């Protein structure tokens, strides 16, 4: 069975990820692997819907319909902007690497480093799992200390819900200790703030700092937007 029409449309949209602002039809065909007549048909459908726009030089760019849908979703860029002051303070206080992670395709996407972390083997991922973002998949063992037994992981997620703090001790990389806490917006967990340091770092030094960072970021997200000053 060939690829569905929806799959072809999605592949055209995926072609714009990491691409220049505009793409020509030949480049869309190359990126998607679709024959040019098929790519043209998908592109025309998307233009009619508003998902793509045709530029004056004949190339194509993402249209206002896609941008409007993106604006309706939680914005990682806005989250990162709100989190940066707290992340800088967390880094200065602990000496570790501070980041914010959001759920993305079954992983925890770190907005500072751009790294995708496994949900079951990292502190940030466990916060997201405990908050209902994603489900534990087949647990891959990254180190000898990775927790893979479903029962043990489930018990750990229960403790995380009770304490509001997750820990990853050499479960993803040897020599690393990570702690994370949930970031809430209007009472709902939308992300996790995490700090990663060496295993020799005292846990009691990291835990209060990451909790305070989570509270500060949540407050920044819930704060009303500043009024624009009139000229």
Protein backbone atom coordinates (compact mmCIF):
# COMPACT_ATOMS: atom_id res chain seq x y z
CA UNK A 1 0.00 0.00 0.00
CA UNK A 2 1.37 3.38 -0.95
CA UNK A 3 1.72 6.35 1.34
CA UNK A 4 -1.58 8.04 2.17
CA UNK A 5 -2.50 11.48 0.86
CA UNK A 6 -2.24 12.85 4.40
CA UNK A 7 1.24 11.36 4.73
CA UNK A 8 2.34 13.08 1.54
CA UNK A 9 0.94 16.41 2.74
CA UNK A 10 2.75 16.03 6.07
CA UNK A 11 5.99 15.18 4.28
CA UNK A 12 5.72 18.43 2.31
CA UNK A 13 5.30 20.41 5.53
CA UNK A 14 8.16 18.49 7.15
CA UNK A 15 10.38 19.55 4.24
CA UNK A 16 10.38 23.09 5.65
CA UNK A 17 11.87 22.05 9.00
CA UNK A 18 15.39 23.45 9.18
CA UNK A 19 15.05 24.79 5.64
CA UNK A 20 15.54 28.32 4.31
CA UNK A 21 12.50 30.62 4.40
CA UNK A 22 11.40 29.48 0.94
CA UNK A 23 11.80 26.28 -1.08
CA UNK A 24 11.38 25.66 -4.78
CA UNK A 25 9.28 22.77 -5.98
CA UNK A 26 12.33 20.77 -7.05
CA UNK A 27 13.81 21.08 -3.54
CA UNK A 28 10.50 20.04 -1.96
CA UNK A 29 10.50 17.00 -4.22
CA UNK A 30 14.08 16.18 -3.27
CA UNK A 31 13.44 16.56 0.47
CA UNK A 32 10.23 14.51 0.42
CA UNK A 33 11.20 11.90 -2.15
CA UNK A 34 7.91 12.55 -3.97
CA UNK A 35 7.73 12.67 -7.78
CA UNK A 36 7.47 16.28 -8.94
CA UNK A 37 3.88 15.93 -10.25
CA UNK A 38 2.81 14.50 -6.87
CA UNK A 39 4.73 17.17 -4.96
CA UNK A 40 3.12 19.88 -7.09
CA UNK A 41 -0.34 18.47 -6.41
CA UNK A 42 0.29 18.44 -2.64
CA UNK A 43 1.74 21.95 -2.74
CA UNK A 44 -1.28 23.29 -4.62
CA UNK A 45 -3.61 21.72 -2.06
CA UNK A 46 -1.65 23.35 0.75
CA UNK A 47 -1.65 26.73 -1.00
CA UNK A 48 -5.43 26.55 -1.44
CA UNK A 49 -5.82 25.71 2.26
CA UNK A 50 -3.43 28.43 3.41
CA UNK A 51 -0.70 26.16 4.70
CA UNK A 52 1.77 27.36 2.05
CA UNK A 53 2.18 30.62 0.17
CA UNK A 54 3.72 31.11 -3.28
CA UNK A 55 6.40 33.80 -3.39
CA UNK A 56 6.86 36.14 -6.35
CA UNK A 57 9.86 34.14 -7.58
CA UNK A 58 7.82 30.92 -7.73
CA UNK A 59 9.19 29.38 -4.53
CA UNK A 60 7.03 28.44 -1.54
CA UNK A 61 7.00 29.32 2.14
CA UNK A 62 4.88 28.35 5.14
CA UNK A 63 1.55 30.15 5.05
CA UNK A 64 -0.47 32.13 7.56
CA UNK A 65 -2.71 29.14 8.38
CA UNK A 66 0.26 27.16 9.71
CA UNK A 67 1.57 30.16 11.63
CA UNK A 68 -1.86 30.76 13.18
CA UNK A 69 -2.06 27.14 14.32
CA UNK A 70 1.44 27.40 15.77
CA UNK A 71 0.50 30.55 17.64
CA UNK A 72 -2.42 28.68 19.23
CA UNK A 73 -0.10 26.05 20.71
CA UNK A 74 2.10 26.53 23.80
CA UNK A 75 5.15 28.41 22.54
CA UNK A 76 8.53 26.94 23.51
CA UNK A 77 10.15 30.23 22.53
CA UNK A 78 7.96 32.15 24.98
CA UNK A 79 8.66 29.54 27.64
CA UNK A 80 12.39 29.82 27.14
CA UNK A 81 12.28 33.61 27.28
CA UNK A 82 10.38 33.43 30.57
CA UNK A 83 12.76 30.81 31.95
CA UNK A 84 16.12 32.35 31.05
CA UNK A 85 16.57 34.52 34.19
CA UNK A 86 15.84 31.55 36.45
CA UNK A 87 18.08 29.26 34.39
CA UNK A 88 20.98 31.70 34.70
CA UNK A 89 20.45 31.90 38.45
CA UNK A 90 20.25 28.11 38.72
CA UNK A 91 23.50 27.68 36.80
CA UNK A 92 25.27 30.28 38.93
CA UNK A 93 24.00 28.76 42.16
CA UNK A 94 24.82 25.12 41.39
CA UNK A 95 27.59 25.24 38.81
CA UNK A 96 25.65 22.71 36.74
CA UNK A 97 23.93 22.91 33.36
CA UNK A 98 20.38 24.24 33.66
CA UNK A 99 17.74 23.63 31.01
CA UNK A 100 14.00 23.51 30.38
CA UNK A 101 12.43 20.44 28.79
CA UNK A 102 9.07 20.06 27.06
CA UNK A 103 7.36 16.90 25.75
CA UNK A 104 8.12 16.25 22.07
CA UNK A 105 7.37 13.05 20.17
CA UNK A 106 7.92 10.75 23.12
CA UNK A 107 11.05 12.54 24.33
CA UNK A 108 11.97 15.47 26.56
CA UNK A 109 13.17 18.27 24.28
CA UNK A 110 15.66 20.59 26.01
CA UNK A 111 15.11 24.16 24.82
CA UNK A 112 18.62 25.43 25.64
CA UNK A 113 20.78 22.57 24.38
CA UNK A 114 18.33 21.24 21.77
CA UNK A 115 18.97 17.71 23.01
CA UNK A 116 16.18 15.13 23.12
CA UNK A 117 16.25 13.05 26.30
CA UNK A 118 14.59 9.69 26.97
CA UNK A 119 11.61 10.02 29.29
CA UNK A 120 12.37 7.00 31.49
CA UNK A 121 16.09 7.62 32.10
CA UNK A 122 16.33 11.32 32.91
CA UNK A 123 15.03 13.55 35.68
CA UNK A 124 13.33 15.93 33.23
CA UNK A 125 11.73 13.03 31.38
CA UNK A 126 10.40 11.50 34.58
CA UNK A 127 8.77 14.80 35.55
CA UNK A 128 6.96 14.82 32.21
CA UNK A 129 5.93 11.18 32.57
CA UNK A 130 4.68 11.75 36.10
CA UNK A 131 2.65 14.72 34.85
CA UNK A 132 0.89 12.68 32.18
CA UNK A 133 2.98 13.78 29.19
CA UNK A 134 3.66 10.59 27.29
CA UNK A 135 3.72 6.97 28.42
CA UNK A 136 6.70 4.80 29.30
CA UNK A 137 7.80 3.04 26.12
CA UNK A 138 10.07 0.02 25.98
CA UNK A 139 12.73 1.05 28.44
CA UNK A 140 16.15 1.15 26.82
CA UNK A 141 19.08 0.57 29.14
CA UNK A 142 21.55 3.44 28.61
CA UNK A 143 23.83 2.56 31.55
CA UNK A 144 23.95 -0.25 34.12
CA UNK A 145 21.88 2.04 36.38
CA UNK A 146 19.00 2.74 34.00
CA UNK A 147 15.69 1.81 35.60
CA UNK A 148 13.85 -0.46 33.16
CA UNK A 149 11.44 -2.57 35.25
CA UNK A 150 7.89 -1.19 34.69
CA UNK A 151 6.89 -1.73 38.32
CA UNK A 152 9.93 0.06 39.71
CA UNK A 153 9.50 2.95 37.28
CA UNK A 154 5.82 3.24 38.17
CA UNK A 155 6.65 3.40 41.88
CA UNK A 156 9.22 6.09 41.17
CA UNK A 157 6.70 8.16 39.20
CA UNK A 158 4.29 7.94 42.15
CA UNK A 159 6.97 9.34 44.46
CA UNK A 160 7.69 12.11 41.98
CA UNK A 161 4.03 13.13 41.98
CA UNK A 162 4.11 13.23 45.77
CA UNK A 163 7.37 15.14 46.15
CA UNK A 164 7.47 17.27 42.98
CA UNK A 165 11.10 16.33 42.41
CA UNK A 166 12.77 13.80 40.10
CA UNK A 167 16.31 12.47 40.07
CA UNK A 168 18.44 10.72 37.51
CA UNK A 169 21.65 9.26 38.94
CA UNK A 170 23.87 7.93 36.14
CA UNK A 171 20.77 6.48 34.45
CA UNK A 172 21.41 8.21 31.12
CA UNK A 173 25.12 8.97 31.24
CA UNK A 174 27.74 7.72 33.64
CA UNK A 175 29.09 10.41 35.93
CA UNK A 176 25.96 12.59 35.69
CA UNK A 177 23.44 13.52 38.35
CA UNK A 178 20.33 15.40 37.26
CA UNK A 179 17.43 16.79 39.25
CA UNK A 180 14.22 18.25 37.86
CA UNK A 181 11.01 19.87 39.05
CA UNK A 182 7.73 20.59 37.26
CA UNK A 183 6.96 23.99 35.77
CA UNK A 184 3.28 24.85 36.13
CA UNK A 185 1.22 27.32 34.16
CA UNK A 186 -2.25 28.10 35.51
CA UNK A 187 -1.97 24.99 37.66
CA UNK A 188 -0.96 22.59 34.88
CA UNK A 189 2.50 21.13 34.35
CA UNK A 190 3.78 22.30 30.96
CA UNK A 191 7.52 21.61 31.24
CA UNK A 192 10.34 20.60 33.55
CA UNK A 193 13.31 22.59 34.75
CA UNK A 194 16.41 20.48 35.23
CA UNK A 195 19.98 20.88 36.34
CA UNK A 196 22.75 18.40 35.53
CA UNK A 197 26.01 18.13 37.43
CA UNK A 198 28.62 15.60 38.37
CA UNK A 199 27.70 12.73 40.66
CA UNK A 200 29.92 14.20 43.35
CA UNK A 201 27.64 17.24 43.72
CA UNK A 202 25.64 17.06 46.96
CA UNK A 203 21.97 16.41 46.19
CA UNK A 204 20.94 18.79 48.97
CA UNK A 205 22.71 21.56 47.10
CA UNK A 206 20.74 20.96 43.91
CA UNK A 207 17.24 20.15 45.15
CA UNK A 208 16.27 23.52 46.72
CA UNK A 209 17.75 25.41 43.78
CA UNK A 210 15.83 23.48 41.14
CA UNK A 211 12.57 23.78 43.11
CA UNK A 212 12.98 27.54 43.41
CA UNK A 213 13.77 27.83 39.71
CA UNK A 214 10.57 25.95 38.84
CA UNK A 215 8.49 28.27 41.02
CA UNK A 216 10.13 31.37 39.51
CA UNK A 217 9.51 30.20 35.95
CA UNK A 218 5.90 29.33 36.74
CA UNK A 219 5.35 32.80 38.16
CA UNK A 220 6.88 34.37 35.08
CA UNK A 221 4.56 32.35 32.84
CA UNK A 222 1.47 33.28 34.87
CA UNK A 223 2.38 36.96 35.09
CA UNK A 224 0.09 39.22 33.04
CA UNK A 225 1.71 40.70 29.92
CA UNK A 226 3.17 44.13 30.34
CA UNK A 227 1.20 46.95 28.86
CA UNK A 228 2.84 48.57 25.86
CA UNK A 229 3.75 52.16 26.58
CA UNK A 230 2.04 54.69 24.35
CA UNK A 231 4.26 57.15 22.48
